[in-house]
C-alpha atoms as a PDB file:
ATOM      1  CA  MET A   1      14.619  -6.262  51.607  1.00  0.00           C
ATOM      2  CA  GLY A   2      16.538  -7.811  54.573  1.00  0.00           C
ATOM      3  CA  LYS A   3      17.801  -4.545  55.846  1.00  0.00           C
ATOM      4  CA  ARG A   4      17.085  -2.908  59.175  1.00  0.00           C
ATOM      5  CA  VAL A   5      14.505   0.035  58.607  1.00  0.00           C
ATOM      6  CA  SER A   6      12.739   2.550  60.610  1.00  0.00           C
ATOM      7  CA  VAL A   7       9.263   3.245  59.064  1.00  0.00           C
ATOM      8  CA  ARG A   8       6.641   5.837  60.178  1.00  0.00           C
ATOM      9  CA  ARG A   9       2.981   5.253  59.490  1.00  0.00           C
ATOM     10  CA  LEU A  10      -0.227   6.951  60.267  1.00  0.00           C
ATOM     11  CA  GLY A  11      -1.795   5.773  63.412  1.00  0.00           C
ATOM     12  CA  GLU A  12      -4.557   3.251  63.250  1.00  0.00           C
ATOM     13  CA  PRO A  13      -7.900   4.745  63.757  1.00  0.00           C
ATOM     14  CA  GLY A  14      -9.511   4.114  67.250  1.00  0.00           C
ATOM     15  CA  VAL A  15      -6.402   2.141  68.278  1.00  0.00           C
ATOM     16  CA  ALA A  16      -3.934   5.002  69.473  1.00  0.00           C
ATOM     17  CA  ASP A  17      -4.143   8.659  70.018  1.00  0.00           C
ATOM     18  CA  GLU A  18      -0.843   9.263  68.398  1.00  0.00           C
ATOM     19  CA  LYS A  19      -1.014  10.429  64.786  1.00  0.00           C
ATOM     20  CA  PHE A  20       2.086   8.618  63.765  1.00  0.00           C
ATOM     21  CA  THR A  21       3.618   5.208  64.675  1.00  0.00           C
ATOM     22  CA  ASP A  22       7.266   4.262  64.266  1.00  0.00           C
ATOM     23  CA  THR A  23       8.299   0.704  63.826  1.00  0.00           C
ATOM     24  CA  VAL A  24      11.916  -0.388  63.745  1.00  0.00           C
ATOM     25  CA  GLY A  25      13.043  -3.771  62.376  1.00  0.00           C
ATOM     26  CA  VAL A  26      14.028  -5.790  59.395  1.00  0.00           C
ATOM     27  CA  LEU A  27      11.971  -5.363  56.156  1.00  0.00           C
ATOM     28  CA  THR A  28      11.199  -8.972  55.041  1.00  0.00           C
ATOM     29  CA  SER A  29       8.503  -8.377  52.577  1.00  0.00           C
ATOM     30  CA  TRP A  30       7.008  -5.671  50.374  1.00  0.00           C
ATOM     31  CA  ASN A  31       4.132  -7.301  48.312  1.00  0.00           C
ATOM     32  CA  ASP A  32       0.624  -6.412  47.283  1.00  0.00           C
ATOM     33  CA  GLY A  33       0.774  -3.014  48.879  1.00  0.00           C
ATOM     34  CA  VAL A  34       1.769  -4.219  52.321  1.00  0.00           C
ATOM     35  CA  LEU A  35       5.131  -4.059  54.150  1.00  0.00           C
ATOM     36  CA  LEU A  36       6.096  -6.781  56.673  1.00  0.00           C
ATOM     37  CA  ILE A  37       8.676  -5.813  59.194  1.00  0.00           C
ATOM     38  CA  THR A  38      10.004  -8.094  61.841  1.00  0.00           C
ATOM     39  CA  ARG A  39      10.914  -6.567  65.166  1.00  0.00           C
ATOM     40  CA  ARG A  40      13.788  -7.585  67.421  1.00  0.00           C
ATOM     41  CA  ASP A  41      11.478  -9.829  69.412  1.00  0.00           C
ATOM     42  CA  GLY A  42      10.455 -11.814  66.345  1.00  0.00           C
ATOM     43  CA  GLU A  43       6.975 -10.063  66.097  1.00  0.00           C
ATOM     44  CA  THR A  44       5.834  -9.375  62.366  1.00  0.00           C
ATOM     45  CA  VAL A  45       4.257  -6.039  61.895  1.00  0.00           C
ATOM     46  CA  ARG A  46       2.071  -5.395  58.938  1.00  0.00           C
ATOM     47  CA  ILE A  47       2.050  -1.944  57.430  1.00  0.00           C
ATOM     48  CA  PRO A  48      -0.350  -0.999  54.683  1.00  0.00           C
ATOM     49  CA  GLU A  49       1.448   1.022  51.854  1.00  0.00           C
ATOM     50  CA  SER A  50      -1.379   3.562  51.933  1.00  0.00           C
ATOM     51  CA  ALA A  51      -0.455   4.537  55.604  1.00  0.00           C
ATOM     52  CA  LEU A  52       3.238   4.811  54.979  1.00  0.00           C
ATOM     53  CA  VAL A  53       4.495   8.318  55.780  1.00  0.00           C
ATOM     54  CA  ALA A  54       8.335   7.819  55.728  1.00  0.00           C
ATOM     55  CA  GLY A  55      11.126   5.213  55.977  1.00  0.00           C
ATOM     56  CA  LYS A  56      14.597   4.809  55.779  1.00  0.00           C
ATOM     57  CA  VAL A  57      17.398   2.229  56.052  1.00  0.00           C
ATOM     58  CA  VAL A  58      19.154   2.544  59.459  1.00  0.00           C
ATOM     59  CA  PRO A  59      22.533   1.048  60.537  1.00  0.00           C
ATOM     60  CA  PRO A  60      22.751  -2.040  62.803  1.00  0.00           C
ATOM     61  CA  ALA A  61      21.974  -1.639  66.544  1.00  0.00           C
ATOM     62  CA  PRO A  62      24.888   0.139  68.183  1.00  0.00           C
ATOM     63  CA  ALA A  63      27.416  -2.144  69.808  1.00  0.00           C
ATOM     64  CA  ARG A  64      27.039  -2.910  73.491  1.00  0.00           C
ATOM     65  CA  ARG A  65      28.810  -0.780  75.872  1.00  0.00           C
ATOM     66  CA  ARG A  66      29.452  -3.286  78.462  1.00  0.00           C
ATOM     67  CA  GLY A  67      30.093  -7.013  78.658  1.00  0.00           C
ATOM     68  CA  PRO A  68      31.547  -9.312  76.043  1.00  0.00           C
ATOM     69  CA  ALA A  69      31.397  -8.595  72.353  1.00  0.00           C
ATOM     70  CA  ALA A  70      29.858 -11.433  70.547  1.00  0.00           C
ATOM     71  CA  SER A  71      28.252 -12.319  67.267  1.00  0.00           C
ATOM     72  CA  TYR A  72      25.038 -14.262  66.797  1.00  0.00           C
ATOM     73  CA  GLU A  73      26.717 -17.130  65.080  1.00  0.00           C
ATOM     74  CA  GLU A  74      29.279 -17.576  67.709  1.00  0.00           C
ATOM     75  CA  LEU A  75      26.586 -17.586  70.531  1.00  0.00           C
ATOM     76  CA  ALA A  76      24.514 -20.120  68.418  1.00  0.00           C
ATOM     77  CA  ARG A  77      27.137 -22.498  67.951  1.00  0.00           C
ATOM     78  CA  VAL A  78      28.445 -22.145  71.711  1.00  0.00           C
ATOM     79  CA  SER A  79      24.896 -22.731  73.089  1.00  0.00           C
ATOM     80  CA  ALA A  80      24.321 -25.671  70.527  1.00  0.00           C
ATOM     81  CA  ARG A  81      27.632 -27.309  71.867  1.00  0.00           C
ATOM     82  CA  ALA A  82      26.209 -27.042  75.424  1.00  0.00           C
ATOM     83  CA  TRP A  83      22.975 -29.016  74.684  1.00  0.00           C
ATOM     84  CA  ARG A  84      23.891 -31.752  72.313  1.00  0.00           C
ATOM     85  CA  PRO A  85      21.462 -34.122  70.697  1.00  0.00           C
ATOM     86  CA  VAL A  86      22.102 -37.839  70.447  1.00  0.00           C
ATOM     87  CA  GLU A  87      21.608 -37.794  66.641  1.00  0.00           C
ATOM     88  CA  SER A  88      22.521 -35.142  64.135  1.00  0.00           C
ATOM     89  CA  GLU A  89      22.865 -34.908  60.280  1.00  0.00           C
ATOM     90  CA  ARG A  90      24.085 -32.065  58.015  1.00  0.00           C
ATOM     91  CA  LEU A  91      21.836 -30.512  55.215  1.00  0.00           C
ATOM     92  CA  GLY A  92      24.544 -28.278  53.578  1.00  0.00           C
ATOM     93  CA  GLU A  93      25.359 -26.030  56.449  1.00  0.00           C
ATOM     94  CA  TRP A  94      22.124 -26.550  58.480  1.00  0.00           C
ATOM     95  CA  GLU A  95      22.391 -29.219  61.330  1.00  0.00           C
ATOM     96  CA  LEU A  96      19.429 -31.433  62.033  1.00  0.00           C
ATOM     97  CA  ARG A  97      19.184 -32.462  65.781  1.00  0.00           C
ATOM     98  CA  ALA A  98      17.182 -35.163  67.375  1.00  0.00           C
ATOM     99  CA  ALA A  99      17.262 -36.496  70.982  1.00  0.00           C
ATOM    100  CA  GLY A 100      14.026 -38.346  71.310  1.00  0.00           C
ATOM    101  CA  GLY A 101      11.941 -35.125  71.844  1.00  0.00           C
ATOM    102  CA  PHE A 102      13.769 -34.015  74.895  1.00  0.00           C
ATOM    103  CA  THR A 103      13.424 -30.374  74.505  1.00  0.00           C
ATOM    104  CA  ARG A 104      12.955 -28.283  71.288  1.00  0.00           C
ATOM    105  CA  ARG A 105      16.587 -27.109  71.449  1.00  0.00           C
ATOM    106  CA  ALA A 106      17.935 -30.702  71.005  1.00  0.00           C
ATOM    107  CA  ASN A 107      15.190 -31.652  68.459  1.00  0.00           C
ATOM    108  CA  SER A 108      15.276 -28.867  65.913  1.00  0.00           C
ATOM    109  CA  VAL A 109      17.205 -27.637  62.968  1.00  0.00           C
ATOM    110  CA  LEU A 110      20.011 -24.996  63.504  1.00  0.00           C
ATOM    111  CA  PRO A 111      19.894 -23.262  60.109  1.00  0.00           C
ATOM    112  CA  ILE A 112      23.234 -21.327  60.166  1.00  0.00           C
ATOM    113  CA  GLY A 113      24.267 -20.773  56.552  1.00  0.00           C
ATOM    114  CA  ASP A 114      22.969 -22.321  53.408  1.00  0.00           C
ATOM    115  CA  PRO A 115      21.113 -25.663  53.288  1.00  0.00           C
ATOM    116  CA  GLY A 116      22.788 -26.279  49.856  1.00  0.00           C
ATOM    117  CA  ILE A 117      19.196 -26.772  47.997  1.00  0.00           C
ATOM    118  CA  PRO A 118      16.303 -24.631  47.631  1.00  0.00           C
ATOM    119  CA  LEU A 119      14.186 -23.769  50.679  1.00  0.00           C
ATOM    120  CA  ASP A 120      11.058 -25.535  49.938  1.00  0.00           C
ATOM    121  CA  GLU A 121      13.220 -28.779  49.028  1.00  0.00           C
ATOM    122  CA  ALA A 122      15.151 -28.141  52.444  1.00  0.00           C
ATOM    123  CA  LEU A 123      11.867 -28.026  54.464  1.00  0.00           C
ATOM    124  CA  SER A 124      10.680 -31.060  52.941  1.00  0.00           C
ATOM    125  CA  PHE A 125      13.824 -32.936  53.800  1.00  0.00           C
ATOM    126  CA  VAL A 126      13.331 -31.537  57.437  1.00  0.00           C
ATOM    127  CA  ARG A 127      10.019 -32.810  57.771  1.00  0.00           C
ATOM    128  CA  ARG A 128      10.744 -36.261  56.413  1.00  0.00           C
ATOM    129  CA  TRP A 129      13.705 -36.732  58.620  1.00  0.00           C
ATOM    130  CA  TYR A 130      11.774 -35.753  61.783  1.00  0.00           C
ATOM    131  CA  GLY A 131       8.876 -37.784  60.706  1.00  0.00           C
ATOM    132  CA  GLU A 132      11.056 -40.862  60.386  1.00  0.00           C
ATOM    133  CA  ARG A 133      11.821 -40.395  64.032  1.00  0.00           C
ATOM    134  CA  GLY A 134       8.354 -39.769  65.172  1.00  0.00           C
ATOM    135  CA  LEU A 135       9.125 -36.261  65.982  1.00  0.00           C
ATOM    136  CA  PRO A 136       7.345 -32.827  65.083  1.00  0.00           C
ATOM    137  CA  ALA A 137       9.871 -30.735  62.730  1.00  0.00           C
ATOM    138  CA  TYR A 138      11.188 -27.580  64.238  1.00  0.00           C
ATOM    139  CA  VAL A 139      13.497 -24.843  62.868  1.00  0.00           C
ATOM    140  CA  GLN A 140      15.180 -22.608  65.529  1.00  0.00           C
ATOM    141  CA  THR A 141      15.783 -19.225  64.252  1.00  0.00           C
ATOM    142  CA  ALA A 142      17.038 -15.923  65.813  1.00  0.00           C
ATOM    143  CA  THR A 143      16.113 -12.250  65.482  1.00  0.00           C
ATOM    144  CA  GLY A 144      17.328  -8.863  66.717  1.00  0.00           C
ATOM    145  CA  ALA A 145      21.046  -8.842  66.089  1.00  0.00           C
ATOM    146  CA  GLU A 146      23.419  -8.626  63.055  1.00  0.00           C
ATOM    147  CA  GLY A 147      23.319 -11.765  61.227  1.00  0.00           C
ATOM    148  CA  THR A 148      20.189 -13.180  62.624  1.00  0.00           C
ATOM    149  CA  GLN A 149      17.367 -14.877  60.532  1.00  0.00           C
ATOM    150  CA  GLU A 150      14.557 -12.437  59.976  1.00  0.00           C
ATOM    151  CA  LEU A 151      14.178 -13.343  56.363  1.00  0.00           C
ATOM    152  CA  LEU A 152      13.923 -17.105  57.087  1.00  0.00           C
ATOM    153  CA  CYS A 153      11.347 -16.429  59.861  1.00  0.00           C
ATOM    154  CA  ALA A 154       9.328 -14.539  57.295  1.00  0.00           C
ATOM    155  CA  GLU A 155       9.578 -17.304  54.824  1.00  0.00           C
ATOM    156  CA  LEU A 156       8.600 -20.034  57.385  1.00  0.00           C
ATOM    157  CA  GLU A 157       5.585 -17.917  58.359  1.00  0.00           C
ATOM    158  CA  ARG A 158       4.529 -17.574  54.743  1.00  0.00           C
ATOM    159  CA  ARG A 159       4.493 -21.327  54.531  1.00  0.00           C
ATOM    160  CA  GLY A 160       2.459 -21.678  57.620  1.00  0.00           C
ATOM    161  CA  TRP A 161       5.045 -22.771  60.114  1.00  0.00           C
ATOM    162  CA  VAL A 162       4.073 -21.650  63.589  1.00  0.00           C
ATOM    163  CA  ARG A 163       6.249 -19.729  65.939  1.00  0.00           C
ATOM    164  CA  GLU A 164       6.443 -21.218  69.443  1.00  0.00           C
ATOM    165  CA  VAL A 165       8.408 -20.303  72.767  1.00  0.00           C
ATOM    166  CA  SER A 166      10.218 -17.336  71.975  1.00  0.00           C
ATOM    167  CA  ALA A 167      13.147 -16.443  74.396  1.00  0.00           C
ATOM    168  CA  GLU A 168      16.147 -14.373  74.676  1.00  0.00           C
ATOM    169  CA  MET A 169      19.964 -14.962  74.766  1.00  0.00           C
ATOM    170  CA  TRP A 170      21.554 -12.813  77.432  1.00  0.00           C
ATOM    171  CA  ILE A 171      25.363 -12.317  77.978  1.00  0.00           C
ATOM    172  CA  GLY A 172      27.444 -10.621  80.414  1.00  0.00           C
ATOM    173  CA  ALA A 173      30.951 -10.611  81.874  1.00  0.00           C
ATOM    174  CA  LEU A 174      31.831 -13.613  84.113  1.00  0.00           C
ATOM    175  CA  ALA A 175      34.057 -12.049  86.756  1.00  0.00           C
ATOM    176  CA  PRO A 176      31.498  -9.686  88.388  1.00  0.00           C
ATOM    177  CA  ILE A 177      29.149 -12.796  88.719  1.00  0.00           C
ATOM    178  CA  ALA A 178      31.739 -14.892  90.201  1.00  0.00           C
ATOM    179  CA  ASP A 179      32.524 -12.013  92.702  1.00  0.00           C
ATOM    180  CA  ARG A 180      29.186 -12.400  94.308  1.00  0.00           C
ATOM    181  CA  ASP A 181      29.120 -13.920  97.887  1.00  0.00           C
ATOM    182  CA  ASP A 182      27.700 -17.391  98.302  1.00  0.00           C
ATOM    183  CA  SER A 183      29.645 -18.373 101.518  1.00  0.00           C
ATOM    184  CA  GLU A 184      26.424 -19.224 103.382  1.00  0.00           C
ATOM    185  CA  ALA A 185      24.572 -21.188 100.725  1.00  0.00           C
ATOM    186  CA  GLY A 186      26.780 -24.213 100.787  1.00  0.00           C
ATOM    187  CA  VAL A 187      26.833 -24.993  97.098  1.00  0.00           C
ATOM    188  CA  VAL A 188      28.317 -28.364  96.019  1.00  0.00           C
ATOM    189  CA  LEU A 189      29.603 -28.929  92.541  1.00  0.00           C
ATOM    190  CA  SER A 190      29.727 -32.203  90.673  1.00  0.00           C
ATOM    191  CA  ARG A 191      30.568 -33.454  87.203  1.00  0.00           C
ATOM    192  CA  GLU A 192      27.340 -35.541  87.218  1.00  0.00           C
ATOM    193  CA  ALA A 193      23.559 -34.884  87.789  1.00  0.00           C
ATOM    194  CA  GLY A 194      23.092 -37.227  90.654  1.00  0.00           C
ATOM    195  CA  ALA A 195      19.850 -38.441  92.013  1.00  0.00           C
ATOM    196  CA  ASP A 196      19.652 -35.465  94.426  1.00  0.00           C
ATOM    197  CA  TRP A 197      20.041 -33.040  91.665  1.00  0.00           C
ATOM    198  CA  LEU A 198      17.500 -34.618  89.414  1.00  0.00           C
ATOM    199  CA  ALA A 199      15.142 -34.613  92.333  1.00  0.00           C
ATOM    200  CA  ARG A 200      14.992 -30.893  91.945  1.00  0.00           C
ATOM    201  CA  TYR A 201      14.909 -30.736  88.189  1.00  0.00           C
ATOM    202  CA  GLN A 202      11.579 -29.983  86.843  1.00  0.00           C
ATOM    203  CA  ARG A 203      11.525 -32.713  84.269  1.00  0.00           C
ATOM    204  CA  LYS A 204      10.828 -35.855  85.933  1.00  0.00           C
ATOM    205  CA  GLY A 205      11.241 -39.497  84.832  1.00  0.00           C
ATOM    206  CA  LEU A 206      14.147 -38.683  82.611  1.00  0.00           C
ATOM    207  CA  SER A 207      15.188 -41.162  79.902  1.00  0.00           C
ATOM    208  CA  GLU A 208      18.768 -42.227  79.179  1.00  0.00           C
ATOM    209  CA  VAL A 209      18.532 -39.935  76.115  1.00  0.00           C
ATOM    210  CA  ALA A 210      17.627 -36.959  78.226  1.00  0.00           C
ATOM    211  CA  LEU A 211      20.492 -37.844  80.709  1.00  0.00           C
ATOM    212  CA  LYS A 212      22.951 -37.776  77.823  1.00  0.00           C
ATOM    213  CA  VAL A 213      21.716 -34.429  76.785  1.00  0.00           C
ATOM    214  CA  LEU A 214      21.956 -32.965  80.368  1.00  0.00           C
ATOM    215  CA  GLY A 215      25.618 -34.215  80.637  1.00  0.00           C
ATOM    216  CA  SER A 216      26.652 -33.178  77.043  1.00  0.00           C
ATOM    217  CA  GLY A 217      29.004 -30.274  76.446  1.00  0.00           C
ATOM    218  CA  PRO A 218      32.859 -29.457  76.584  1.00  0.00           C
ATOM    219  CA  SER A 219      33.186 -29.201  80.287  1.00  0.00           C
ATOM    220  CA  VAL A 220      29.783 -29.675  82.347  1.00  0.00           C
ATOM    221  CA  TRP A 221      29.245 -28.933  85.919  1.00  0.00           C
ATOM    222  CA  PHE A 222      26.184 -29.338  88.176  1.00  0.00           C
ATOM    223  CA  ALA A 223      25.505 -27.229  91.316  1.00  0.00           C
ATOM    224  CA  THR A 224      23.422 -28.308  94.242  1.00  0.00           C
ATOM    225  CA  VAL A 225      22.251 -26.542  97.403  1.00  0.00           C
ATOM    226  CA  PRO A 226      21.460 -29.414  99.814  1.00  0.00           C
ATOM    227  CA  GLY A 227      17.869 -29.144 101.307  1.00  0.00           C
ATOM    228  CA  GLU A 228      16.490 -30.670 104.418  1.00  0.00           C
ATOM    229  CA  ALA A 229      17.793 -34.310 105.310  1.00  0.00           C
ATOM    230  CA  GLY A 230      16.212 -36.715 102.978  1.00  0.00           C
ATOM    231  CA  GLY A 231      14.510 -33.957 100.783  1.00  0.00           C
ATOM    232  CA  ALA A 232      15.085 -32.625  97.374  1.00  0.00           C
ATOM    233  CA  PRO A 233      17.907 -29.859  97.131  1.00  0.00           C
ATOM    234  CA  ALA A 234      17.084 -26.248  97.835  1.00  0.00           C
ATOM    235  CA  ALA A 235      18.528 -25.206  94.548  1.00  0.00           C
ATOM    236  CA  ILE A 236      20.360 -26.414  91.476  1.00  0.00           C
ATOM    237  CA  GLY A 237      22.161 -25.274  88.519  1.00  0.00           C
ATOM    238  CA  ARG A 238      24.072 -26.374  85.431  1.00  0.00           C
ATOM    239  CA  CYS A 239      27.005 -24.761  83.608  1.00  0.00           C
ATOM    240  CA  VAL A 240      28.997 -25.622  80.502  1.00  0.00           C
ATOM    241  CA  VAL A 241      32.419 -24.158  79.993  1.00  0.00           C
ATOM    242  CA  ASP A 242      33.555 -23.681  76.307  1.00  0.00           C
ATOM    243  CA  GLY A 243      36.498 -21.780  75.734  1.00  0.00           C
ATOM    244  CA  ARG A 244      35.916 -18.099  76.864  1.00  0.00           C
ATOM    245  CA  TRP A 245      32.111 -18.846  77.478  1.00  0.00           C
ATOM    246  CA  ALA A 246      30.340 -20.018  80.451  1.00  0.00           C
ATOM    247  CA  GLY A 247      26.724 -21.090  79.785  1.00  0.00           C
ATOM    248  CA  PHE A 248      24.209 -21.314  82.621  1.00  0.00           C
ATOM    249  CA  ALA A 249      21.034 -23.375  82.652  1.00  0.00           C
ATOM    250  CA  ALA A 250      18.542 -25.480  84.731  1.00  0.00           C
ATOM    251  CA  VAL A 251      18.763 -22.934  87.647  1.00  0.00           C
ATOM    252  CA  GLU A 252      15.743 -23.948  89.862  1.00  0.00           C
ATOM    253  CA  VAL A 253      14.964 -23.277  93.589  1.00  0.00           C
ATOM    254  CA  ASP A 254      12.457 -24.765  95.865  1.00  0.00           C
ATOM    255  CA  PRO A 255       9.508 -22.513  95.447  1.00  0.00           C
ATOM    256  CA  ALA A 256       9.230 -22.168  99.458  1.00  0.00           C
ATOM    257  CA  LEU A 257      12.877 -20.843  99.516  1.00  0.00           C
ATOM    258  CA  ARG A 258      12.834 -18.290  96.501  1.00  0.00           C
ATOM    259  CA  ARG A 259      13.837 -14.759  96.985  1.00  0.00           C
ATOM    260  CA  GLN A 260      16.661 -15.769  99.361  1.00  0.00           C
ATOM    261  CA  GLY A 261      19.548 -15.468  96.936  1.00  0.00           C
ATOM    262  CA  LEU A 262      20.032 -19.081  96.348  1.00  0.00           C
ATOM    263  CA  ALA A 263      19.753 -18.898  92.474  1.00  0.00           C
ATOM    264  CA  SER A 264      22.315 -16.255  92.374  1.00  0.00           C
ATOM    265  CA  ALA A 265      24.586 -18.096  94.800  1.00  0.00           C
ATOM    266  CA  VAL A 266      24.420 -21.209  92.467  1.00  0.00           C
ATOM    267  CA  ILE A 267      25.445 -19.073  89.508  1.00  0.00           C
ATOM    268  CA  ALA A 268      28.249 -17.457  91.306  1.00  0.00           C
ATOM    269  CA  ALA A 269      29.743 -20.810  92.425  1.00  0.00           C
ATOM    270  CA  LEU A 270      29.373 -22.184  88.889  1.00  0.00           C
ATOM    271  CA  ALA A 271      30.999 -18.938  87.539  1.00  0.00           C
ATOM    272  CA  ARG A 272      34.045 -19.273  89.872  1.00  0.00           C
ATOM    273  CA  GLN A 273      34.759 -22.708  88.500  1.00  0.00           C
ATOM    274  CA  ALA A 274      34.333 -21.474  84.986  1.00  0.00           C
ATOM    275  CA  LEU A 275      36.822 -18.699  85.794  1.00  0.00           C
ATOM    276  CA  ASP A 276      39.248 -21.236  86.942  1.00  0.00           C
ATOM    277  CA  GLU A 277      38.944 -23.115  83.465  1.00  0.00           C
ATOM    278  CA  GLY A 278      39.747 -19.841  81.659  1.00  0.00           C
ATOM    279  CA  ALA A 279      36.296 -18.508  80.766  1.00  0.00           C
ATOM    280  CA  SER A 280      35.599 -14.637  80.795  1.00  0.00           C
ATOM    281  CA  ALA A 281      32.110 -14.293  79.459  1.00  0.00           C
ATOM    282  CA  ALA A 282      28.697 -15.701  80.393  1.00  0.00           C
ATOM    283  CA  TRP A 283      25.462 -16.534  78.578  1.00  0.00           C
ATOM    284  CA  LEU A 284      22.157 -17.813  79.366  1.00  0.00           C
ATOM    285  CA  GLN A 285      18.719 -18.332  77.863  1.00  0.00           C
ATOM    286  CA  VAL A 286      15.531 -16.784  79.496  1.00  0.00           C
ATOM    287  CA  GLU A 287      12.121 -16.852  78.446  1.00  0.00           C
ATOM    288  CA  THR A 288      10.322 -13.572  77.530  1.00  0.00           C
ATOM    289  CA  ASP A 289       7.615 -13.883  80.054  1.00  0.00           C
ATOM    290  CA  ASN A 290       9.834 -14.880  83.035  1.00  0.00           C
ATOM    291  CA  ALA A 291       9.813 -11.465  84.778  1.00  0.00           C
ATOM    292  CA  GLY A 292      11.521 -12.684  88.030  1.00  0.00           C
ATOM    293  CA  ALA A 293      14.362 -14.451  86.344  1.00  0.00           C
ATOM    294  CA  ARG A 294      14.906 -11.416  84.044  1.00  0.00           C
ATOM    295  CA  ALA A 295      15.075  -9.056  86.847  1.00  0.00           C
ATOM    296  CA  MET A 296      17.583 -11.216  88.657  1.00  0.00           C
ATOM    297  CA  TYR A 297      19.894 -11.706  85.630  1.00  0.00           C
ATOM    298  CA  ALA A 298      19.823  -7.946  84.900  1.00  0.00           C
ATOM    299  CA  GLY A 299      20.819  -7.341  88.422  1.00  0.00           C
ATOM    300  CA  MET A 300      23.893  -9.617  87.828  1.00  0.00           C
ATOM    301  CA  GLY A 301      25.016  -7.660  84.782  1.00  0.00           C
ATOM    302  CA  PHE A 302      23.360  -9.791  82.026  1.00  0.00           C
ATOM    303  CA  ALA A 303      21.782  -8.070  79.016  1.00  0.00           C
ATOM    304  CA  ALA A 304      19.713  -9.379  76.016  1.00  0.00           C
ATOM    305  CA  HIS A 305      21.762  -9.928  72.839  1.00  0.00           C
ATOM    306  CA  HIS A 306      19.085 -11.544  70.579  1.00  0.00           C
ATOM    307  CA  ALA A 307      15.851 -13.356  70.551  1.00  0.00           C
ATOM    308  CA  TYR A 308      15.362 -16.793  69.367  1.00  0.00           C
ATOM    309  CA  HIS A 309      12.321 -18.747  68.411  1.00  0.00           C
ATOM    310  CA  HIS A 310      11.258 -22.478  67.288  1.00  0.00           C
ATOM    311  CA  TYR A 311       9.095 -22.733  64.350  1.00  0.00           C
ATOM    312  CA  ARG A 312       6.938 -25.828  64.039  1.00  0.00           C
ATOM    313  CA  ALA A 313       5.957 -27.397  60.772  1.00  0.00           C
ATOM    314  CA  PRO A 314       2.284 -26.967  59.900  1.00  0.00           C
ATOM    315  CA  GLY A 315       0.069 -30.098  60.592  1.00  0.00           C
ATOM    316  CA  THR A 316       2.165 -31.365  63.478  1.00  0.00           C
ATOM    317  CA  SER A 317       1.815 -31.233  67.273  1.00  0.00           C
ATOM    318  CA  GLY A 318       4.735 -29.761  69.498  1.00  0.00           C
ATOM    319  CA  GLY A 319       6.215 -30.356  72.825  1.00  0.00           C
ATOM    320  CA  GLY A 320       9.382 -29.823  74.853  1.00  0.00           C
ATOM    321  CA  ARG A 321      11.153 -26.532  75.441  1.00  0.00           C
END
């Protein structure tokens, strides 16, 4: 239990031509004749014991051969500092975060470590805390790296919590990104998200709480590529510099101007600023179904580190991102 395993099972009749099917992931349960294995992407696979052919414990995934070395916990804390809530409270080592419902990231529990009380009590506390603020209760978890939370994911699913909006954390070396040429893009950097930047940002009518979240972080920069006179910018982006890390977010381009290198130009300009402040590594978050962004980031040298998920308490409606 809790170990990374490789399991071979008999193929399911009528589903695949292969006689055997292999599954690699963390063993999160083996009860009532059924194995539950959580894959890297957070998907849970059910394997009847009667179909089990062979299985073994396997070592953690091999270390990355390129880019910065990083643990899940380091990245979780860095990304949390880059998108701060307006209110937070500790429950043991867990952090409960609230920001008026603006994004799941700022309105969810970051459950690193021990809550200090039994899980059911902790989840009851979480539901009360968010309920008092008129918010759905979310727990942010991660899978697919050393030290991630597959066991907690399984416990949440057993209690009826619903997994929503899975995404991935990607990391890469900063210098190669900064070396990209954006000389023709005319990227302008600012310490604040001005009216022009907000005109391109996909979330309209932002509250004061949302603006505080956008401006939070150790060293925050906003990038803008001006559009036509009087119009919204052609492209925007946001970067938070935190020690050796530069985190990129809110990279958006006018749909009519996509595939012209504006997104990579925005990231490159922000990367150069981050290098000037001493950063050497980069991270960003990308949703699993955003094929265009994933292809662009891979071309810039980023690669997936782990997946993360937001689990919503049963009986509540969700929202945000």
